[in-house]
């Protein structure tokens, strides 16, 4: 099982390196590796370190948070098949977004739409945890 974790970690690094090569300014993997260490032309270093590397790190963090939240939800309801759509949490988030749009509170701040969606999803999760 350890070899599988190692292989998946290596695959993640290889795919991250390949994603750093993709873009309007095509770079070779060797150019990307040298730009990661601050070598090469100034343009290559800026492209890799300022544009593409944050994109890859953000993708890792989003994937990590989605996996962690899914595992937490499955642990909360003690069901390995549980997912937000099945339990009504996604629908509650949609209801919160629709209510925020309907009552016009999104005109106050752009952050109120996702806050309303997450608040209604949290209420649904709390109600679900009280029922179980």
N, C-alpha and C. Protein backbone atom coordinates (compact mmCIF):
# COMPACT_ATOMS: atom_id res chain seq x y z
N UNK A 1 0.82 -1.19 0.00
CA UNK A 1 0.00 0.00 0.00
C UNK A 1 0.87 1.26 0.00
N UNK A 2 2.02 1.19 0.64
CA UNK A 2 2.91 2.35 0.66
C UNK A 2 3.42 2.68 -0.74
N UNK A 3 3.65 1.68 -1.53
CA UNK A 3 4.14 1.95 -2.89
C UNK A 3 3.09 2.67 -3.70
N UNK A 4 1.82 2.38 -3.43
CA UNK A 4 0.74 3.07 -4.13
C UNK A 4 0.71 4.55 -3.75
N UNK A 5 0.87 4.86 -2.47
CA UNK A 5 0.92 6.25 -2.04
C UNK A 5 2.11 6.97 -2.66
N UNK A 6 3.25 6.30 -2.70
CA UNK A 6 4.43 6.89 -3.32
C UNK A 6 4.24 7.12 -4.81
N UNK A 7 3.63 6.14 -5.47
CA UNK A 7 3.38 6.28 -6.91
C UNK A 7 2.40 7.41 -7.20
N UNK A 8 1.36 7.53 -6.38
CA UNK A 8 0.40 8.61 -6.58
C UNK A 8 1.01 9.97 -6.29
N UNK A 9 1.87 10.05 -5.28
CA UNK A 9 2.58 11.30 -4.99
C UNK A 9 3.50 11.69 -6.13
N UNK A 10 4.20 10.71 -6.69
CA UNK A 10 5.08 10.98 -7.82
C UNK A 10 4.27 11.39 -9.05
N UNK A 11 3.14 10.75 -9.27
CA UNK A 11 2.27 11.13 -10.38
C UNK A 11 1.75 12.55 -10.21
N UNK A 12 1.42 12.93 -8.98
CA UNK A 12 0.98 14.29 -8.71
C UNK A 12 2.06 15.31 -9.06
N UNK A 13 3.29 15.02 -8.70
CA UNK A 13 4.39 15.94 -9.01
C UNK A 13 4.66 16.02 -10.51
N UNK A 14 4.59 14.89 -11.19
CA UNK A 14 4.81 14.88 -12.64
C UNK A 14 3.72 15.66 -13.35
N UNK A 15 2.47 15.46 -12.94
CA UNK A 15 1.37 16.19 -13.57
C UNK A 15 1.42 17.68 -13.25
N UNK A 16 1.89 18.02 -12.04
CA UNK A 16 2.05 19.43 -11.70
C UNK A 16 3.13 20.06 -12.58
N UNK A 17 4.21 19.35 -12.81
CA UNK A 17 5.27 19.86 -13.69
C UNK A 17 4.75 20.04 -15.10
N UNK A 18 3.96 19.07 -15.57
CA UNK A 18 3.40 19.19 -16.91
C UNK A 18 2.41 20.34 -17.02
N UNK A 19 1.64 20.59 -15.96
CA UNK A 19 0.70 21.70 -16.01
C UNK A 19 1.42 23.04 -15.99
N UNK A 20 2.62 23.08 -15.44
CA UNK A 20 3.40 24.31 -15.47
C UNK A 20 3.94 24.62 -16.86
N UNK A 21 3.94 23.63 -17.74
CA UNK A 21 4.43 23.86 -19.11
C UNK A 21 3.33 24.36 -20.03
N UNK A 22 2.07 24.22 -19.63
CA UNK A 22 0.95 24.54 -20.50
C UNK A 22 0.55 25.99 -20.33
N UNK A 23 0.35 26.67 -21.44
CA UNK A 23 -0.09 28.06 -21.39
C UNK A 23 0.17 28.75 -22.72
N UNK A 24 -0.18 30.03 -22.80
CA UNK A 24 0.05 30.77 -24.05
C UNK A 24 1.52 30.84 -24.44
N UNK A 25 2.39 30.88 -23.43
CA UNK A 25 3.83 30.85 -23.69
C UNK A 25 4.32 29.44 -23.39
N UNK A 26 4.45 28.59 -24.40
CA UNK A 26 4.84 27.20 -24.13
C UNK A 26 6.27 27.12 -23.60
N UNK A 27 6.43 26.32 -22.56
CA UNK A 27 7.73 26.10 -21.95
C UNK A 27 8.00 24.61 -21.89
N UNK A 28 9.24 24.24 -22.00
CA UNK A 28 9.61 22.84 -21.87
C UNK A 28 9.73 22.50 -20.38
N UNK A 29 9.66 21.23 -20.04
CA UNK A 29 9.82 20.87 -18.62
C UNK A 29 11.16 21.31 -18.04
N UNK A 30 12.21 21.28 -18.84
CA UNK A 30 13.52 21.74 -18.36
C UNK A 30 13.50 23.24 -18.08
N UNK A 31 12.85 24.02 -18.93
CA UNK A 31 12.73 25.46 -18.70
C UNK A 31 11.91 25.74 -17.43
N UNK A 32 10.90 24.95 -17.20
CA UNK A 32 10.08 25.13 -16.01
C UNK A 32 10.89 24.84 -14.75
N UNK A 33 11.64 23.76 -14.76
CA UNK A 33 12.45 23.39 -13.59
C UNK A 33 13.50 24.46 -13.30
N UNK A 34 14.15 24.96 -14.34
CA UNK A 34 15.14 26.02 -14.11
C UNK A 34 14.48 27.31 -13.65
N UNK A 35 13.28 27.61 -14.15
CA UNK A 35 12.58 28.82 -13.72
C UNK A 35 12.09 28.70 -12.28
N UNK A 36 11.77 27.49 -11.84
CA UNK A 36 11.35 27.30 -10.45
C UNK A 36 12.46 27.67 -9.47
N UNK A 37 13.70 27.46 -9.88
CA UNK A 37 14.84 27.79 -9.03
C UNK A 37 15.42 29.17 -9.32
N UNK A 38 14.70 29.99 -10.10
CA UNK A 38 15.10 31.36 -10.35
C UNK A 38 16.14 31.52 -11.44
N UNK A 39 16.38 30.49 -12.21
CA UNK A 39 17.34 30.56 -13.31
C UNK A 39 16.59 30.76 -14.62
N UNK A 40 17.30 31.04 -15.68
CA UNK A 40 16.66 31.23 -16.98
C UNK A 40 16.33 32.69 -17.19
N UNK A 41 15.55 32.97 -18.22
CA UNK A 41 15.21 34.35 -18.53
C UNK A 41 14.21 34.90 -17.52
N UNK A 42 14.17 36.23 -17.42
CA UNK A 42 13.28 36.89 -16.48
C UNK A 42 11.83 36.57 -16.81
N UNK A 43 11.49 36.50 -18.10
CA UNK A 43 10.12 36.21 -18.50
C UNK A 43 9.70 34.82 -18.05
N UNK A 44 10.60 33.85 -18.24
CA UNK A 44 10.27 32.48 -17.84
C UNK A 44 10.08 32.37 -16.33
N UNK A 45 10.93 33.03 -15.57
CA UNK A 45 10.82 32.98 -14.12
C UNK A 45 9.51 33.63 -13.67
N UNK A 46 9.14 34.76 -14.25
CA UNK A 46 7.89 35.42 -13.89
C UNK A 46 6.68 34.58 -14.27
N UNK A 47 6.72 34.00 -15.46
CA UNK A 47 5.59 33.18 -15.90
C UNK A 47 5.38 32.00 -14.97
N UNK A 48 6.47 31.32 -14.64
CA UNK A 48 6.34 30.12 -13.82
C UNK A 48 6.04 30.46 -12.37
N UNK A 49 6.80 31.38 -11.78
CA UNK A 49 6.65 31.64 -10.35
C UNK A 49 5.47 32.53 -10.01
N UNK A 50 5.10 33.44 -10.88
CA UNK A 50 4.04 34.39 -10.55
C UNK A 50 2.68 34.01 -11.13
N UNK A 51 2.66 33.26 -12.22
CA UNK A 51 1.38 32.93 -12.86
C UNK A 51 1.00 31.46 -12.72
N UNK A 52 1.89 30.59 -13.11
CA UNK A 52 1.51 29.18 -13.19
C UNK A 52 1.64 28.42 -11.88
N UNK A 53 2.65 28.71 -11.09
CA UNK A 53 2.82 27.99 -9.82
C UNK A 53 1.69 28.28 -8.85
N UNK A 54 1.23 29.53 -8.69
CA UNK A 54 0.06 29.75 -7.82
C UNK A 54 -1.18 29.00 -8.29
N UNK A 55 -1.35 28.85 -9.61
CA UNK A 55 -2.49 28.11 -10.14
C UNK A 55 -2.42 26.64 -9.72
N UNK A 56 -1.24 26.06 -9.78
CA UNK A 56 -1.07 24.66 -9.40
C UNK A 56 -1.28 24.48 -7.89
N UNK A 57 -0.72 25.39 -7.11
CA UNK A 57 -0.88 25.29 -5.66
C UNK A 57 -2.34 25.45 -5.28
N UNK A 58 -3.05 26.37 -5.93
CA UNK A 58 -4.47 26.56 -5.64
C UNK A 58 -5.27 25.30 -6.01
N UNK A 59 -4.92 24.66 -7.11
CA UNK A 59 -5.60 23.41 -7.49
C UNK A 59 -5.37 22.34 -6.44
N UNK A 60 -4.16 22.25 -5.92
CA UNK A 60 -3.89 21.28 -4.86
C UNK A 60 -4.72 21.58 -3.63
N UNK A 61 -4.77 22.85 -3.23
CA UNK A 61 -5.51 23.22 -2.02
C UNK A 61 -7.01 23.00 -2.17
N UNK A 62 -7.55 23.29 -3.34
CA UNK A 62 -8.98 23.05 -3.58
C UNK A 62 -9.28 21.56 -3.53
N UNK A 63 -8.46 20.76 -4.17
CA UNK A 63 -8.66 19.31 -4.13
C UNK A 63 -8.54 18.76 -2.72
N UNK A 64 -7.59 19.27 -1.97
CA UNK A 64 -7.42 18.84 -0.58
C UNK A 64 -8.63 19.20 0.26
N UNK A 65 -9.13 20.42 0.10
CA UNK A 65 -10.27 20.85 0.91
C UNK A 65 -11.55 20.10 0.52
N UNK A 66 -11.74 19.83 -0.75
CA UNK A 66 -12.92 19.07 -1.17
C UNK A 66 -12.87 17.63 -0.64
N UNK A 67 -11.71 17.02 -0.71
CA UNK A 67 -11.58 15.67 -0.18
C UNK A 67 -11.76 15.62 1.32
N UNK A 68 -11.21 16.62 2.02
CA UNK A 68 -11.34 16.67 3.46
C UNK A 68 -12.78 16.92 3.89
N UNK A 69 -13.46 17.81 3.20
CA UNK A 69 -14.85 18.08 3.56
C UNK A 69 -15.75 16.89 3.25
N UNK A 70 -15.47 16.18 2.18
CA UNK A 70 -16.24 14.97 1.88
C UNK A 70 -16.02 13.89 2.93
N UNK A 71 -14.78 13.73 3.35
CA UNK A 71 -14.50 12.74 4.40
C UNK A 71 -15.14 13.13 5.72
N UNK A 72 -15.14 14.45 6.02
CA UNK A 72 -15.77 14.91 7.26
C UNK A 72 -17.28 14.66 7.22
N UNK A 73 -17.90 14.90 6.08
CA UNK A 73 -19.34 14.67 5.96
C UNK A 73 -19.66 13.19 6.08
N UNK A 74 -18.86 12.34 5.48
CA UNK A 74 -19.09 10.90 5.60
C UNK A 74 -18.88 10.43 7.03
N UNK A 75 -17.94 11.03 7.72
CA UNK A 75 -17.73 10.67 9.12
C UNK A 75 -18.84 11.19 10.01
N UNK A 76 -19.39 12.36 9.67
CA UNK A 76 -20.47 12.94 10.46
C UNK A 76 -21.72 12.07 10.44
N UNK A 77 -22.09 11.59 9.27
CA UNK A 77 -23.31 10.78 9.18
C UNK A 77 -23.02 9.29 9.25
N UNK A 78 -21.76 8.93 9.39
CA UNK A 78 -21.33 7.53 9.50
C UNK A 78 -21.82 6.68 8.34
N UNK A 79 -21.68 7.24 7.15
CA UNK A 79 -22.10 6.55 5.93
C UNK A 79 -21.06 6.82 4.86
N UNK A 80 -20.36 5.80 4.37
CA UNK A 80 -19.33 6.03 3.36
C UNK A 80 -19.88 6.45 1.99
N UNK A 81 -21.19 6.35 1.80
CA UNK A 81 -21.78 6.75 0.53
C UNK A 81 -22.41 8.13 0.58
N UNK A 82 -22.31 8.80 1.71
CA UNK A 82 -22.94 10.12 1.87
C UNK A 82 -22.23 11.16 1.01
N UNK A 83 -23.00 12.04 0.41
CA UNK A 83 -22.47 13.16 -0.36
C UNK A 83 -23.47 14.31 -0.26
N UNK A 84 -23.03 15.54 -0.45
CA UNK A 84 -23.89 16.70 -0.20
C UNK A 84 -25.18 16.71 -1.02
N UNK A 85 -25.16 16.26 -2.25
CA UNK A 85 -26.36 16.26 -3.07
C UNK A 85 -27.40 15.28 -2.57
N UNK A 86 -26.95 14.15 -2.08
CA UNK A 86 -27.85 13.12 -1.57
C UNK A 86 -28.52 13.56 -0.28
N UNK A 87 -27.82 14.34 0.51
CA UNK A 87 -28.32 14.73 1.82
C UNK A 87 -29.05 16.07 1.81
N UNK A 88 -29.09 16.76 0.69
CA UNK A 88 -29.82 18.02 0.60
C UNK A 88 -29.01 19.25 0.94
N UNK A 89 -27.73 19.09 1.18
CA UNK A 89 -26.89 20.23 1.55
C UNK A 89 -26.66 21.12 0.33
N UNK A 90 -26.45 20.54 -0.83
CA UNK A 90 -26.26 21.33 -2.05
C UNK A 90 -27.53 22.11 -2.39
N UNK A 91 -28.67 21.49 -2.22
CA UNK A 91 -29.94 22.17 -2.49
C UNK A 91 -30.16 23.32 -1.51
N UNK A 92 -29.76 23.13 -0.28
CA UNK A 92 -29.89 24.20 0.71
C UNK A 92 -28.98 25.37 0.36
N UNK A 93 -27.80 25.08 -0.13
CA UNK A 93 -26.89 26.15 -0.56
C UNK A 93 -27.50 26.91 -1.74
N UNK A 94 -28.10 26.18 -2.66
CA UNK A 94 -28.79 26.83 -3.79
C UNK A 94 -29.94 27.69 -3.32
N UNK A 95 -30.68 27.21 -2.32
CA UNK A 95 -31.78 28.00 -1.76
C UNK A 95 -31.27 29.29 -1.14
N UNK A 96 -30.15 29.21 -0.43
CA UNK A 96 -29.57 30.41 0.17
C UNK A 96 -29.15 31.42 -0.88
N UNK A 97 -28.57 30.94 -1.97
CA UNK A 97 -28.16 31.84 -3.05
C UNK A 97 -29.38 32.49 -3.71
N UNK A 98 -30.41 31.71 -3.94
CA UNK A 98 -31.63 32.25 -4.56
C UNK A 98 -32.28 33.28 -3.65
N UNK A 99 -32.34 33.00 -2.36
CA UNK A 99 -32.91 33.97 -1.42
C UNK A 99 -32.11 35.27 -1.39
N UNK A 100 -30.79 35.15 -1.44
CA UNK A 100 -29.95 36.35 -1.45
C UNK A 100 -30.18 37.17 -2.71
N UNK A 101 -30.35 36.51 -3.83
CA UNK A 101 -30.63 37.22 -5.08
C UNK A 101 -32.04 37.81 -5.08
N UNK A 102 -33.00 37.06 -4.58
CA UNK A 102 -34.39 37.51 -4.60
C UNK A 102 -34.60 38.75 -3.74
N UNK A 103 -34.02 38.74 -2.55
CA UNK A 103 -34.21 39.87 -1.66
C UNK A 103 -33.22 41.01 -1.90
N UNK A 104 -32.32 40.83 -2.84
CA UNK A 104 -31.43 41.91 -3.27
C UNK A 104 -30.30 42.25 -2.31
N UNK A 105 -29.98 41.35 -1.40
CA UNK A 105 -28.89 41.68 -0.48
C UNK A 105 -27.52 41.61 -1.16
N UNK A 106 -27.47 41.02 -2.34
CA UNK A 106 -26.20 40.96 -3.06
C UNK A 106 -25.78 42.33 -3.58
N UNK A 107 -26.71 43.29 -3.62
CA UNK A 107 -26.34 44.63 -4.06
C UNK A 107 -25.51 45.35 -3.00
N UNK A 108 -25.56 44.88 -1.77
CA UNK A 108 -24.76 45.48 -0.70
C UNK A 108 -23.30 45.08 -0.79
N UNK A 109 -23.06 43.83 -1.11
CA UNK A 109 -21.69 43.33 -1.23
C UNK A 109 -21.71 42.06 -2.07
N UNK A 110 -20.66 41.87 -2.85
CA UNK A 110 -20.59 40.66 -3.67
C UNK A 110 -20.33 39.42 -2.83
N UNK A 111 -19.88 39.60 -1.60
CA UNK A 111 -19.57 38.48 -0.73
C UNK A 111 -20.81 37.92 -0.04
N UNK A 112 -21.94 38.61 -0.13
CA UNK A 112 -23.14 38.12 0.54
C UNK A 112 -23.78 36.94 -0.18
N UNK A 113 -23.58 36.81 -1.46
CA UNK A 113 -24.13 35.66 -2.19
C UNK A 113 -23.49 34.35 -1.73
N UNK A 114 -22.15 34.22 -1.77
CA UNK A 114 -21.58 32.96 -1.27
C UNK A 114 -21.77 32.79 0.23
N UNK A 115 -21.84 33.90 0.98
CA UNK A 115 -22.07 33.77 2.42
C UNK A 115 -23.46 33.22 2.71
N UNK A 116 -24.46 33.68 1.96
CA UNK A 116 -25.82 33.17 2.14
C UNK A 116 -25.89 31.69 1.75
N UNK A 117 -25.22 31.32 0.66
CA UNK A 117 -25.23 29.92 0.24
C UNK A 117 -24.55 29.04 1.28
N UNK A 118 -23.40 29.48 1.78
CA UNK A 118 -22.70 28.67 2.77
C UNK A 118 -23.45 28.64 4.09
N UNK A 119 -24.12 29.74 4.44
CA UNK A 119 -24.91 29.76 5.67
C UNK A 119 -26.06 28.78 5.63
N UNK A 120 -26.77 28.75 4.51
CA UNK A 120 -27.88 27.79 4.39
C UNK A 120 -27.37 26.35 4.34
N UNK A 121 -26.24 26.13 3.71
CA UNK A 121 -25.65 24.79 3.71
C UNK A 121 -25.24 24.38 5.12
N UNK A 122 -24.72 25.34 5.89
CA UNK A 122 -24.35 25.05 7.27
C UNK A 122 -25.58 24.72 8.11
N UNK A 123 -26.66 25.48 7.90
CA UNK A 123 -27.90 25.18 8.63
C UNK A 123 -28.43 23.79 8.30
N UNK A 124 -28.35 23.41 7.03
CA UNK A 124 -28.79 22.06 6.64
C UNK A 124 -27.91 21.00 7.27
N UNK A 125 -26.61 21.25 7.34
CA UNK A 125 -25.70 20.29 7.96
C UNK A 125 -25.96 20.17 9.46
N UNK A 126 -26.22 21.31 10.11
CA UNK A 126 -26.54 21.26 11.53
C UNK A 126 -27.84 20.52 11.79
N UNK A 127 -28.84 20.77 10.96
CA UNK A 127 -30.12 20.06 11.11
C UNK A 127 -29.92 18.57 10.90
N UNK A 128 -29.09 18.22 9.94
CA UNK A 128 -28.81 16.81 9.66
C UNK A 128 -28.10 16.17 10.83
N UNK A 129 -27.15 16.89 11.42
CA UNK A 129 -26.42 16.30 12.54
C UNK A 129 -27.30 16.17 13.79
N UNK A 130 -28.30 17.06 13.93
CA UNK A 130 -29.22 16.93 15.05
C UNK A 130 -30.17 15.75 14.86
N UNK A 131 -30.48 15.44 13.62
CA UNK A 131 -31.39 14.32 13.34
C UNK A 131 -30.70 12.96 13.47
N UNK A 132 -29.39 12.90 13.31
CA UNK A 132 -28.70 11.62 13.38
C UNK A 132 -28.23 11.29 14.76
